[in-house]
Amino acid sequence: MSQRMIAGRYELLEELSHGGMGDVWRGYDAVLDRPVAVKLIRQQAVTSPQMADELAKRFRREARITARIQHPGVPQVYDAVLDDTHEQLFLVMELVEGVPLSAYVDPARPLPVSWAVAVAAQVATVLSHAHEIPVIHRDLKPGNVLVARDGTVKVLDFGIAAILRTDATKLTATGTPIGTSQYMAPEQVRGGRITPRTDLYALGCILHELLAGRALFQADSEFALMYQHVSAAPTPLRQLRPEVPAALEELVLHLLRKAPEARPADVQEVYERLRPFLPSVGQEPVSGETGPDGAPDPTGLFRHPYAPRSRPRPSATPAPSGESVPAPLPVPAELRAEIKEAYAHSDALLEEERFAQAAEVLSEVIEPAARALGAENRQVVELRTQRAAIRLLGGDYRAALPEFTALADAYGRIAGPTSERARACRAQAARCRAELGQVTEALTALESVLAVVRSVDSDVSEEAIELRRDIGMLLLAQGRAADARVVLEPLHADLDVVYGPADELTAEVGEALALIRLDLDGQER
């Protein structure tokens, strides 16, 4: 798989979006083994090597300021990279998984009031931290606001409008304006002074659009649209949607006043006026409050503040035990080549200890392979097993646990619940649990697997020895020294015979036993 490499460390994997300022790519940081977003600034914005150098300098200046916004709703910008020709600038940013707010605007179905207000309130909290510095966004719009899967709102591209000076567009300018005129405050259109109240106007445009299901102003040309922002009165929300509370309509109209000094004093005032329309702590949503089907719920942050992570969803219901496993399908030649290439690429990344990316490479082929061959096709299951093993090696136990659990069930259906692969996946799932602090559950699972191994194989088989060692060490980690001794003493005797006293594992278990005896003898004294 050939990807374009930026600065010798950032790989461009796939295009995520195509916008006015530039294209955004999903990328990978090969040095830190983490996904990133890479924004390629459009070539028309970089007209010469000198312009590229100036942009890079401006970026560094703005990025230093933007980096001071310490808020989870602000994805961080990591790096600015000029390509070898000095004609293109790449901004490397934190990758955020979410859906742009613009995807939820639908004239046929305006969003629930609490949903829209919860988004606006979260944006307001972000702006409050930025304006304190002060950093002004300058290009706030639904496309720059993401709603993550857990309902948290992320405001993108802080400082990028300043880097590109998108507020330099004037009403009398000719050609294509730079920026987003749909959300441009009158002072931006005129080329006037930009203040935090400029962002408040854009927030008013967004909230109006979420509640009305359509943009604040509509026109056939950019010029006409900008003219409306300067001169036209906005339509009050209750004329478009009568159930909108009067006080909320009043707030939106206040945000949309033409003169900056006539708008709310600051974003803190805006938040306080939004609070009455937010759900209370512990209050569950009623019918019609949850937003579009399948959409995240931004009100959850207010209903359950500081709540723990949601529990992982249970894996898909396994096939009934009496159901036969379908016969394997032949693998198409093209897919076989893709699988081979994915293994090779993943192995190369493993050599560099880039575990997260190695797992991602396999993920890209697992989904099409599962669709073509079935989720429990031998090659698909082997790919899933390799991905789970890589996640375990990379320390991503939270992702590896459900994968190993599902694989144990799959191997149980394919080869039987006591088969070697099913046992191995159950043991690996238990090790993930131990790493995640679920020691009691891990011990129970490992003891269950050991019982099966003893029934089908020797107590000194490689698999049994590894399980006995893990059980003993987990008991010791729990402070159950006496129980650990019961497990580890016969294991040490077996290791001494099978592998010899100089073996690394024999020595490790012997050292653990020495510490246990010291501890127990000390307690007896």
Protein backbone atom coordinates (compact mmCIF):
# COMPACT_ATOMS: atom_id res chain seq x y z
CA MET A 1 0.00 0.00 0.00
CA SER A 2 1.62 3.24 -1.12
CA GLN A 3 0.79 6.38 0.82
CA ARG A 4 2.14 9.85 0.43
CA MET A 5 4.57 10.68 3.24
CA ILE A 6 4.86 14.23 4.62
CA ALA A 7 8.01 15.35 6.45
CA GLY A 8 9.18 11.77 6.65
CA ARG A 9 6.64 10.88 9.37
CA TYR A 10 3.01 11.70 8.40
CA GLU A 11 1.29 9.29 6.01
CA LEU A 12 -1.82 10.41 4.08
CA LEU A 13 -4.23 7.45 4.06
CA GLU A 14 -7.63 8.65 2.81
CA GLU A 15 -9.40 11.92 2.08
CA LEU A 16 -12.00 12.78 4.74
CA SER A 17 -13.40 16.07 3.49
CA HIS A 18 -13.08 18.63 0.73
CA GLY A 19 -13.55 22.24 1.80
CA GLY A 20 -12.89 25.83 0.90
CA MET A 21 -9.61 26.16 2.77
CA GLY A 22 -8.28 22.74 1.90
CA ASP A 23 -8.70 19.00 1.87
CA VAL A 24 -8.57 17.04 5.12
CA TRP A 25 -6.96 13.61 5.13
CA ARG A 26 -6.86 10.82 7.64
CA GLY A 27 -3.19 10.32 8.33
CA TYR A 28 -0.75 8.51 10.58
CA ASP A 29 2.15 9.82 12.59
CA ALA A 30 4.80 7.15 12.08
CA VAL A 31 6.96 8.47 14.92
CA LEU A 32 4.31 8.50 17.68
CA ASP A 33 2.18 5.67 16.19
CA ARG A 34 -1.09 7.57 16.34
CA PRO A 35 -3.76 8.64 13.86
CA VAL A 36 -3.82 12.31 12.87
CA ALA A 37 -5.80 14.60 10.62
CA VAL A 38 -3.78 16.38 7.94
CA LYS A 39 -5.19 19.50 6.29
CA LEU A 40 -3.67 20.39 2.93
CA ILE A 41 -3.99 24.14 2.38
CA ARG A 42 -5.22 24.74 -1.15
CA GLN A 43 -2.61 25.69 -3.73
CA GLN A 44 -4.38 28.95 -4.57
CA ALA A 45 -3.73 29.99 -0.96
CA VAL A 46 -0.02 29.31 -1.46
CA THR A 47 1.03 31.19 -4.59
CA SER A 48 4.79 31.24 -4.10
CA PRO A 49 7.58 29.85 -1.92
CA GLN A 50 7.66 33.21 -0.16
CA MET A 51 3.91 32.98 0.53
CA ALA A 52 4.40 29.45 1.85
CA ASP A 53 7.16 30.64 4.18
CA GLU A 54 4.97 33.51 5.37
CA LEU A 55 2.06 31.11 5.98
CA ALA A 56 4.32 28.78 7.96
CA LYS A 57 5.59 31.67 10.11
CA ARG A 58 2.05 32.92 10.65
CA PHE A 59 0.96 29.40 11.52
CA ARG A 60 3.62 29.02 14.16
CA ARG A 61 2.63 32.35 15.69
CA GLU A 62 -1.09 31.49 15.71
CA ALA A 63 -0.53 27.87 16.80
CA ARG A 64 1.36 29.03 19.89
CA ILE A 65 -1.63 31.16 20.86
CA THR A 66 -4.20 28.50 19.93
CA ALA A 67 -2.30 25.86 21.93
CA ARG A 68 -3.14 27.83 25.06
CA ILE A 69 -6.84 26.89 24.69
CA GLN A 70 -6.95 24.03 27.17
CA HIS A 71 -10.37 22.55 26.55
CA PRO A 72 -11.46 19.04 25.45
CA GLY A 73 -13.70 20.63 22.82
CA VAL A 74 -10.66 22.01 20.95
CA PRO A 75 -8.67 19.47 18.91
CA GLN A 76 -5.01 20.32 19.09
CA VAL A 77 -2.82 21.35 16.15
CA TYR A 78 0.45 19.41 16.23
CA ASP A 79 2.59 20.57 13.35
CA ALA A 80 2.91 22.69 10.19
CA VAL A 81 4.81 21.16 7.31
CA LEU A 82 5.97 22.71 4.02
CA ASP A 83 6.34 20.18 1.21
CA ASP A 84 9.61 19.79 -0.70
CA THR A 85 8.55 22.30 -3.37
CA HIS A 86 7.70 24.93 -0.71
CA GLU A 87 4.36 25.40 -2.46
CA GLN A 88 1.98 23.56 -0.12
CA LEU A 89 1.37 23.83 3.60
CA PHE A 90 0.09 20.89 5.61
CA LEU A 91 -1.42 21.33 9.06
CA VAL A 92 -1.23 18.20 11.23
CA MET A 93 -3.99 18.02 13.84
CA GLU A 94 -5.64 15.75 16.36
CA LEU A 95 -7.98 13.36 14.57
CA VAL A 96 -11.54 13.63 15.87
CA GLU A 97 -14.12 10.95 15.05
CA GLY A 98 -17.49 12.62 14.68
CA VAL A 99 -20.16 13.97 12.35
CA PRO A 100 -20.26 17.63 11.25
CA LEU A 101 -23.18 19.58 12.62
CA SER A 102 -24.19 20.43 9.06
CA ALA A 103 -25.20 16.78 8.51
CA TYR A 104 -28.04 17.17 11.03
CA VAL A 105 -29.64 20.28 9.49
CA ASP A 106 -32.82 19.15 7.75
CA PRO A 107 -35.69 21.50 6.74
CA ALA A 108 -38.12 18.58 7.02
CA ARG A 109 -37.11 17.84 10.61
CA PRO A 110 -35.84 20.71 12.77
CA LEU A 111 -33.77 19.48 15.67
CA PRO A 112 -35.22 19.21 19.20
CA VAL A 113 -34.78 22.42 21.16
CA SER A 114 -32.76 20.71 23.92
CA TRP A 115 -30.48 19.06 21.32
CA ALA A 116 -29.75 22.35 19.51
CA VAL A 117 -29.29 24.26 22.78
CA ALA A 118 -26.93 21.59 24.16
CA VAL A 119 -24.73 21.96 21.06
CA ALA A 120 -24.75 25.76 21.34
CA ALA A 121 -23.97 25.59 25.07
CA GLN A 122 -20.99 23.30 24.47
CA VAL A 123 -19.70 25.62 21.72
CA ALA A 124 -20.14 28.52 24.16
CA THR A 125 -17.96 26.82 26.77
CA VAL A 126 -15.23 26.34 24.16
CA LEU A 127 -15.46 29.99 23.07
CA SER A 128 -15.28 31.14 26.69
CA HIS A 129 -11.86 29.51 27.05
CA ALA A 130 -10.68 30.86 23.69
CA HIS A 131 -11.92 34.42 24.17
CA GLU A 132 -10.18 34.64 27.53
CA ILE A 133 -6.75 34.38 25.82
CA PRO A 134 -8.04 35.99 23.51
CA VAL A 135 -8.35 33.77 20.43
CA ILE A 136 -11.19 34.51 18.01
CA HIS A 137 -12.31 31.67 15.76
CA ARG A 138 -13.43 33.89 12.81
CA ASP A 139 -14.91 31.03 10.78
CA LEU A 140 -17.41 29.35 13.10
CA LYS A 141 -19.94 27.33 11.08
CA PRO A 142 -21.74 23.95 11.25
CA GLY A 143 -19.03 22.34 9.11
CA ASN A 144 -16.44 23.29 11.73
CA VAL A 145 -18.42 21.79 14.62
CA LEU A 146 -18.28 18.01 15.08
CA VAL A 147 -20.55 15.95 17.30
CA ALA A 148 -18.56 12.97 18.58
CA ARG A 149 -20.09 9.57 19.26
CA ASP A 150 -20.48 10.28 22.96
CA GLY A 151 -22.30 13.58 22.25
CA THR A 152 -19.40 15.89 23.05
CA VAL A 153 -18.96 18.80 20.67
CA LYS A 154 -15.60 19.61 19.07
CA VAL A 155 -14.87 22.98 17.48
CA LEU A 156 -12.39 22.60 14.63
CA ASP A 157 -9.95 24.92 12.87
CA PHE A 158 -9.25 27.40 15.66
CA GLY A 159 -6.63 29.82 14.41
CA ILE A 160 -6.70 28.59 10.80
CA ALA A 161 -8.90 31.48 9.65
CA ALA A 162 -6.37 33.84 11.23
CA ILE A 163 -3.52 31.98 9.56
CA LEU A 164 -5.16 32.43 6.15
CA ARG A 165 -6.60 35.87 7.01
CA THR A 166 -10.03 34.90 5.75
CA ASP A 167 -11.62 37.95 7.36
CA ALA A 168 -9.94 40.21 4.81
CA THR A 169 -12.85 39.78 2.38
CA LYS A 170 -14.81 43.02 1.86
CA LEU A 171 -18.27 43.55 0.41
CA THR A 172 -16.76 45.36 -2.57
CA ALA A 173 -14.21 42.65 -3.34
CA THR A 174 -14.25 41.04 -6.75
CA GLY A 175 -13.77 37.38 -7.54
CA THR A 176 -14.44 34.48 -5.18
CA PRO A 177 -14.52 35.52 -1.52
CA ILE A 178 -12.39 33.59 0.94
CA GLY A 179 -14.25 32.41 4.02
CA THR A 180 -17.83 31.36 4.72
CA SER A 181 -20.22 34.19 3.96
CA GLN A 182 -23.22 32.25 5.29
CA TYR A 183 -22.00 32.87 8.86
CA MET A 184 -20.00 36.07 8.38
CA ALA A 185 -20.71 38.93 10.77
CA PRO A 186 -21.37 42.39 9.25
CA GLU A 187 -18.02 43.70 10.50
CA GLN A 188 -16.26 40.81 8.73
CA VAL A 189 -18.05 41.60 5.50
CA ARG A 190 -17.00 45.24 5.76
CA GLY A 191 -13.43 44.32 6.68
CA GLY A 192 -13.78 45.90 10.11
CA ARG A 193 -12.25 45.01 13.44
CA ILE A 194 -12.76 41.42 14.57
CA THR A 195 -13.69 40.84 18.24
CA PRO A 196 -15.08 37.98 20.32
CA ARG A 197 -18.55 39.29 19.46
CA THR A 198 -17.83 38.32 15.84
CA ASP A 199 -17.92 34.68 17.00
CA LEU A 200 -21.17 35.39 18.87
CA TYR A 201 -22.83 36.46 15.61
CA ALA A 202 -21.74 33.19 13.96
CA LEU A 203 -23.05 31.24 16.96
CA GLY A 204 -26.40 33.01 16.51
CA CYS A 205 -26.43 31.97 12.83
CA ILE A 206 -25.73 28.35 13.81
CA LEU A 207 -28.38 28.21 16.55
CA HIS A 208 -30.97 29.79 14.24
CA GLU A 209 -30.15 27.19 11.57
CA LEU A 210 -30.37 24.24 13.98
CA LEU A 211 -33.77 25.36 15.26
CA ALA A 212 -35.23 26.48 11.92
CA GLY A 213 -33.79 23.69 9.79
CA ARG A 214 -32.48 26.18 7.25
CA ALA A 215 -29.78 28.85 6.93
CA LEU A 216 -30.41 32.32 8.34
CA PHE A 217 -30.19 34.01 4.92
CA GLN A 218 -30.42 32.57 1.43
CA ALA A 219 -29.39 34.26 -1.83
CA ASP A 220 -28.31 33.49 -5.38
CA SER A 221 -24.85 35.02 -5.03
CA GLU A 222 -22.15 35.50 -2.43
CA PHE A 223 -22.43 39.26 -2.83
CA ALA A 224 -26.20 39.21 -2.16
CA LEU A 225 -25.72 36.92 0.83
CA MET A 226 -23.11 39.18 2.39
CA TYR A 227 -25.34 42.20 1.75
CA GLN A 228 -28.15 40.53 3.73
CA HIS A 229 -25.84 40.01 6.69
CA VAL A 230 -25.07 43.72 6.62
CA SER A 231 -28.59 45.06 5.97
CA ALA A 232 -31.42 42.49 6.20
CA ALA A 233 -33.35 41.72 9.37
CA PRO A 234 -33.37 38.04 10.40
CA THR A 235 -36.72 36.24 10.50
CA PRO A 236 -37.70 35.64 14.15
CA LEU A 237 -37.58 31.92 14.95
CA ARG A 238 -41.15 31.72 16.27
CA GLN A 239 -42.47 32.78 12.87
CA LEU A 240 -40.76 29.69 11.43
CA ARG A 241 -41.30 27.37 14.39
CA PRO A 242 -43.90 28.49 16.96
CA GLU A 243 -42.85 26.02 19.69
CA VAL A 244 -39.46 27.71 20.13
CA PRO A 245 -39.51 29.43 23.56
CA ALA A 246 -39.82 33.23 23.37
CA ALA A 247 -36.71 33.77 25.51
CA LEU A 248 -34.65 31.56 23.19
CA GLU A 249 -35.88 33.49 20.14
CA GLU A 250 -34.92 36.71 21.92
CA LEU A 251 -31.39 35.41 22.60
CA VAL A 252 -30.88 34.44 18.95
CA LEU A 253 -32.05 37.86 17.74
CA HIS A 254 -29.73 39.48 20.29
CA LEU A 255 -26.78 37.45 18.93
CA LEU A 256 -27.68 38.52 15.37
CA ARG A 257 -27.67 42.26 15.89
CA LYS A 258 -25.70 44.11 13.23
CA ALA A 259 -23.54 46.23 15.55
CA PRO A 260 -21.07 44.18 17.60
CA GLU A 261 -21.60 46.34 20.70
CA ALA A 262 -25.36 45.62 20.55
CA ARG A 263 -24.81 41.86 20.97
CA PRO A 264 -24.48 40.09 24.35
CA ALA A 265 -21.56 41.32 26.42
CA ASP A 266 -19.71 38.01 26.25
CA VAL A 267 -20.15 34.29 25.71
CA GLN A 268 -20.66 33.72 29.45
CA GLU A 269 -23.86 35.73 29.22
CA VAL A 270 -24.95 33.61 26.26
CA TYR A 271 -24.36 30.40 28.23
CA GLU A 272 -26.39 31.67 31.22
CA ARG A 273 -29.29 32.48 28.89
CA LEU A 274 -29.10 29.01 27.34
CA ARG A 275 -29.11 27.21 30.71
CA PRO A 276 -32.91 27.27 31.27
CA PHE A 277 -33.36 25.21 28.09
CA LEU A 278 -30.78 22.57 29.01
CA PRO A 279 -31.84 19.30 30.70
CA SER A 280 -31.26 18.95 34.42
CA VAL A 281 -28.79 16.52 35.97
CA GLY A 282 -30.32 13.04 36.08
CA GLN A 283 -33.23 14.00 33.84
CA GLU A 284 -33.81 11.42 31.10
CA PRO A 285 -34.87 12.48 27.59
CA VAL A 286 -38.53 12.31 26.69
CA SER A 287 -39.92 11.33 23.31
CA GLY A 288 -38.76 13.66 20.56
CA GLU A 289 -35.73 14.97 22.46
CA THR A 290 -33.13 12.53 21.23
CA GLY A 291 -32.50 14.06 17.80
CA PRO A 292 -32.17 12.26 14.45
CA ASP A 293 -32.09 8.47 14.36
CA GLY A 294 -28.62 7.20 15.14
CA ALA A 295 -27.33 10.67 16.06
CA PRO A 296 -25.20 11.20 19.17
CA ASP A 297 -26.92 12.94 22.08
CA PRO A 298 -25.20 16.23 23.02
CA THR A 299 -27.59 16.68 25.95
CA GLY A 300 -25.99 13.69 27.73
CA LEU A 301 -23.13 15.88 28.93
CA PHE A 302 -25.62 17.91 30.98
CA ARG A 303 -27.82 14.99 32.06
CA HIS A 304 -24.88 12.93 33.37
CA PRO A 305 -21.88 15.23 33.97
CA TYR A 306 -18.60 13.51 34.82
CA ALA A 307 -20.24 10.14 34.22
CA PRO A 308 -17.93 7.15 33.68
CA ARG A 309 -17.38 5.69 30.25
CA SER A 310 -20.31 3.79 28.84
CA ARG A 311 -19.98 0.04 29.26
CA PRO A 312 -18.89 -1.74 26.08
CA ARG A 313 -21.82 -3.08 24.10
CA PRO A 314 -22.19 -6.86 24.12
CA SER A 315 -20.96 -8.62 21.03
CA ALA A 316 -23.40 -9.84 18.43
CA THR A 317 -25.56 -12.78 19.42
CA PRO A 318 -23.75 -15.99 18.47
CA ALA A 319 -25.30 -18.48 16.13
CA PRO A 320 -27.33 -21.22 17.86
CA SER A 321 -25.17 -24.17 18.84
CA GLY A 322 -27.13 -26.51 16.61
CA GLU A 323 -26.59 -24.34 13.53
CA SER A 324 -23.96 -25.66 11.17
CA VAL A 325 -21.06 -23.44 10.14
CA PRO A 326 -21.39 -22.51 6.45
CA ALA A 327 -18.95 -24.05 4.00
CA PRO A 328 -15.96 -21.81 3.22
CA LEU A 329 -16.30 -19.62 0.14
CA PRO A 330 -13.51 -19.37 -2.43
CA VAL A 331 -11.50 -16.17 -1.99
CA PRO A 332 -11.54 -13.96 -5.12
CA ALA A 333 -8.06 -13.38 -6.54
CA GLU A 334 -8.23 -9.61 -6.06
CA LEU A 335 -9.27 -9.96 -2.42
CA ARG A 336 -6.60 -12.59 -1.83
CA ALA A 337 -4.00 -10.13 -3.12
CA GLU A 338 -5.36 -7.37 -0.87
CA ILE A 339 -5.20 -9.66 2.18
CA LYS A 340 -1.62 -10.66 1.35
CA GLU A 341 -0.63 -7.00 0.92
CA ALA A 342 -2.34 -6.05 4.21
CA TYR A 343 -0.40 -8.74 6.09
CA ALA A 344 2.88 -7.60 4.52
CA HIS A 345 2.22 -3.92 5.29
CA SER A 346 1.10 -4.73 8.83
CA ASP A 347 4.19 -6.88 9.45
CA ALA A 348 6.44 -4.06 8.23
CA LEU A 349 4.76 -1.65 10.64
CA LEU A 350 5.17 -4.17 13.47
CA GLU A 351 8.91 -4.24 12.78
CA GLU A 352 8.88 -0.51 13.60
CA GLU A 353 6.63 -1.11 16.66
CA ARG A 354 3.85 0.97 15.09
CA PHE A 355 1.16 -1.20 16.66
CA ALA A 356 -1.86 1.08 16.28
CA GLN A 357 -1.27 1.58 12.57
CA ALA A 358 -0.49 -2.10 12.00
CA ALA A 359 -3.91 -2.96 13.47
CA GLU A 360 -5.57 -0.25 11.37
CA VAL A 361 -4.09 -1.66 8.15
CA LEU A 362 -5.69 -5.03 8.89
CA SER A 363 -9.00 -3.35 9.78
CA GLU A 364 -9.15 -1.85 6.30
CA VAL A 365 -9.23 -5.30 4.69
CA ILE A 366 -11.25 -7.15 7.37
CA GLU A 367 -14.52 -5.33 6.63
CA PRO A 368 -14.60 -5.98 2.84
CA ALA A 369 -13.36 -9.53 3.41
CA ALA A 370 -16.14 -10.20 5.96
CA ARG A 371 -18.75 -8.82 3.54
CA ALA A 372 -17.49 -11.00 0.71
CA LEU A 373 -16.71 -14.19 2.62
CA GLY A 374 -18.63 -14.01 5.89
CA ALA A 375 -17.52 -12.93 9.37
CA GLU A 376 -16.49 -16.48 10.32
CA ASN A 377 -14.65 -17.40 7.15
CA ARG A 378 -11.26 -18.89 8.06
CA GLN A 379 -9.23 -16.10 6.45
CA VAL A 380 -11.40 -13.39 8.02
CA VAL A 381 -11.13 -14.93 11.48
CA GLU A 382 -7.36 -15.25 11.10
CA LEU A 383 -7.16 -11.56 10.14
CA ARG A 384 -9.24 -10.66 13.20
CA THR A 385 -7.01 -12.81 15.41
CA GLN A 386 -3.89 -11.10 14.11
CA ARG A 387 -5.42 -7.67 14.68
CA ALA A 388 -6.40 -8.60 18.25
CA ALA A 389 -2.89 -9.89 18.94
CA ILE A 390 -1.37 -6.63 17.63
CA ARG A 391 -3.68 -4.58 19.86
CA LEU A 392 -2.63 -6.70 22.83
CA LEU A 393 1.05 -6.24 21.99
CA GLY A 394 0.52 -2.49 21.64
CA GLY A 395 -1.17 -2.24 25.02
CA ASP A 396 -4.64 -1.41 23.62
CA TYR A 397 -6.32 -3.87 25.98
CA ARG A 398 -9.70 -2.13 25.86
CA ALA A 399 -9.96 -2.76 22.11
CA ALA A 400 -8.41 -6.24 22.24
CA LEU A 401 -10.74 -7.61 24.96
CA PRO A 402 -14.04 -7.62 22.99
CA GLU A 403 -12.21 -8.87 19.90
CA PHE A 404 -10.71 -11.88 21.71
CA THR A 405 -14.05 -12.57 23.41
CA ALA A 406 -15.87 -12.60 20.06
CA LEU A 407 -13.11 -14.71 18.49
CA ALA A 408 -13.34 -17.31 21.28
CA ASP A 409 -17.04 -17.70 20.49
CA ALA A 410 -16.32 -17.87 16.75
CA TYR A 411 -13.64 -20.54 17.14
CA GLY A 412 -15.98 -22.39 19.48
CA ARG A 413 -18.57 -22.58 16.71
CA ILE A 414 -16.00 -23.40 14.01
CA ALA A 415 -13.83 -25.98 15.81
CA GLY A 416 -15.56 -26.61 19.13
CA PRO A 417 -15.47 -24.80 22.49
CA THR A 418 -12.49 -26.83 23.75
CA SER A 419 -10.43 -26.34 20.58
CA GLU A 420 -6.92 -24.89 20.88
CA ARG A 421 -7.81 -21.59 19.14
CA ALA A 422 -10.93 -21.08 21.28
CA ARG A 423 -8.90 -21.73 24.45
CA ALA A 424 -6.14 -19.35 23.35
CA CYS A 425 -8.58 -16.51 22.65
CA ARG A 426 -10.33 -17.00 26.01
CA ALA A 427 -6.93 -16.87 27.73
CA GLN A 428 -5.93 -13.70 25.85
CA ALA A 429 -9.25 -12.06 26.76
CA ALA A 430 -8.53 -12.93 30.40
CA ARG A 431 -5.07 -11.33 30.16
CA CYS A 432 -6.68 -8.18 28.78
CA ARG A 433 -9.06 -8.15 31.75
CA ALA A 434 -6.12 -8.45 34.12
CA GLU A 435 -4.40 -5.47 32.48
CA LEU A 436 -7.63 -3.47 32.78
CA GLY A 437 -7.82 -4.19 36.52
CA GLN A 438 -10.53 -6.87 36.30
CA VAL A 439 -8.32 -9.35 38.17
CA THR A 440 -11.05 -11.51 39.75
CA GLU A 441 -12.76 -12.07 36.38
CA ALA A 442 -9.37 -12.75 34.76
CA LEU A 443 -8.49 -15.39 37.37
CA THR A 444 -11.83 -17.15 36.96
CA ALA A 445 -11.41 -17.24 33.17
CA LEU A 446 -7.81 -18.47 33.27
CA GLU A 447 -8.67 -21.23 35.77
CA SER A 448 -11.55 -22.30 33.51
CA VAL A 449 -9.24 -22.52 30.48
CA LEU A 450 -6.63 -24.42 32.51
CA ALA A 451 -9.23 -26.98 33.53
CA VAL A 452 -10.02 -27.60 29.85
CA VAL A 453 -6.31 -27.84 28.95
CA ARG A 454 -5.73 -30.39 31.71
CA SER A 455 -8.60 -32.51 30.37
CA VAL A 456 -7.21 -32.64 26.83
CA ASP A 457 -3.45 -32.26 27.33
CA SER A 458 -0.59 -32.60 29.82
CA ASP A 459 -0.26 -30.40 32.90
CA VAL A 460 3.25 -29.59 31.71
CA SER A 461 2.30 -28.67 28.15
CA GLU A 462 3.49 -25.24 27.03
CA GLU A 463 -0.09 -23.92 27.18
CA ALA A 464 -0.71 -25.30 30.70
CA ILE A 465 2.57 -23.94 32.05
CA GLU A 466 1.84 -20.45 30.73
CA LEU A 467 -1.64 -20.51 32.29
CA ARG A 468 -0.34 -21.78 35.65
CA ARG A 469 2.31 -19.07 35.68
CA ASP A 470 -0.28 -16.33 34.88
CA ILE A 471 -2.65 -17.58 37.58
CA GLY A 472 0.09 -17.67 40.21
CA MET A 473 1.34 -14.17 39.36
CA LEU A 474 -2.21 -12.73 39.39
CA LEU A 475 -2.85 -14.28 42.82
CA LEU A 476 0.40 -12.71 44.01
CA ALA A 477 -0.63 -9.32 42.55
CA GLN A 478 -3.88 -9.57 44.51
CA GLY A 479 -1.93 -10.02 47.73
CA ARG A 480 -2.97 -13.68 48.04
CA ALA A 481 0.57 -14.91 48.73
CA ALA A 482 -0.44 -18.24 50.29
CA ASP A 483 -2.72 -19.10 47.32
CA ALA A 484 0.02 -18.03 44.88
CA ARG A 485 2.49 -20.33 46.64
CA VAL A 486 0.12 -23.30 46.22
CA VAL A 487 0.13 -22.67 42.44
CA LEU A 488 3.75 -21.65 41.89
CA GLU A 489 5.61 -24.28 44.00
CA PRO A 490 4.48 -27.31 41.93
CA LEU A 491 4.93 -25.23 38.77
CA HIS A 492 8.54 -24.46 39.74
CA ALA A 493 9.20 -28.14 40.37
CA ASP A 494 7.78 -29.04 36.94
CA LEU A 495 9.82 -26.29 35.24
CA ASP A 496 12.98 -27.49 36.93
CA VAL A 497 12.42 -30.94 35.38
CA VAL A 498 11.09 -29.91 31.96
CA TYR A 499 13.21 -26.82 31.16
CA GLY A 500 16.00 -26.98 33.72
CA PRO A 501 17.01 -24.61 36.55
CA ALA A 502 18.81 -22.19 34.18
CA ASP A 503 15.69 -21.49 32.11
CA GLU A 504 14.40 -17.89 32.23
CA LEU A 505 10.85 -18.91 33.22
CA THR A 506 12.14 -21.29 35.93
CA ALA A 507 14.22 -18.46 37.36
CA GLU A 508 11.29 -16.00 37.24
CA VAL A 509 8.96 -18.34 39.13
CA GLY A 510 11.77 -19.16 41.59
CA GLU A 511 12.29 -15.46 42.37
CA ALA A 512 8.56 -15.00 42.94
CA LEU A 513 8.55 -17.95 45.33
CA ALA A 514 11.53 -16.55 47.23
CA LEU A 515 9.64 -13.30 47.79
CA ILE A 516 6.51 -15.19 48.85
CA ARG A 517 8.46 -17.26 51.39
CA LEU A 518 10.10 -14.15 52.77
CA ASP A 519 6.74 -12.48 53.14
CA LEU A 520 5.04 -15.52 54.69
CA ASP A 521 7.93 -16.23 57.03
CA GLY A 522 7.86 -12.60 58.12
CA GLN A 523 4.16 -12.86 58.88
CA GLU A 524 4.70 -16.05 60.91
CA ARG A 525 7.41 -14.36 63.01
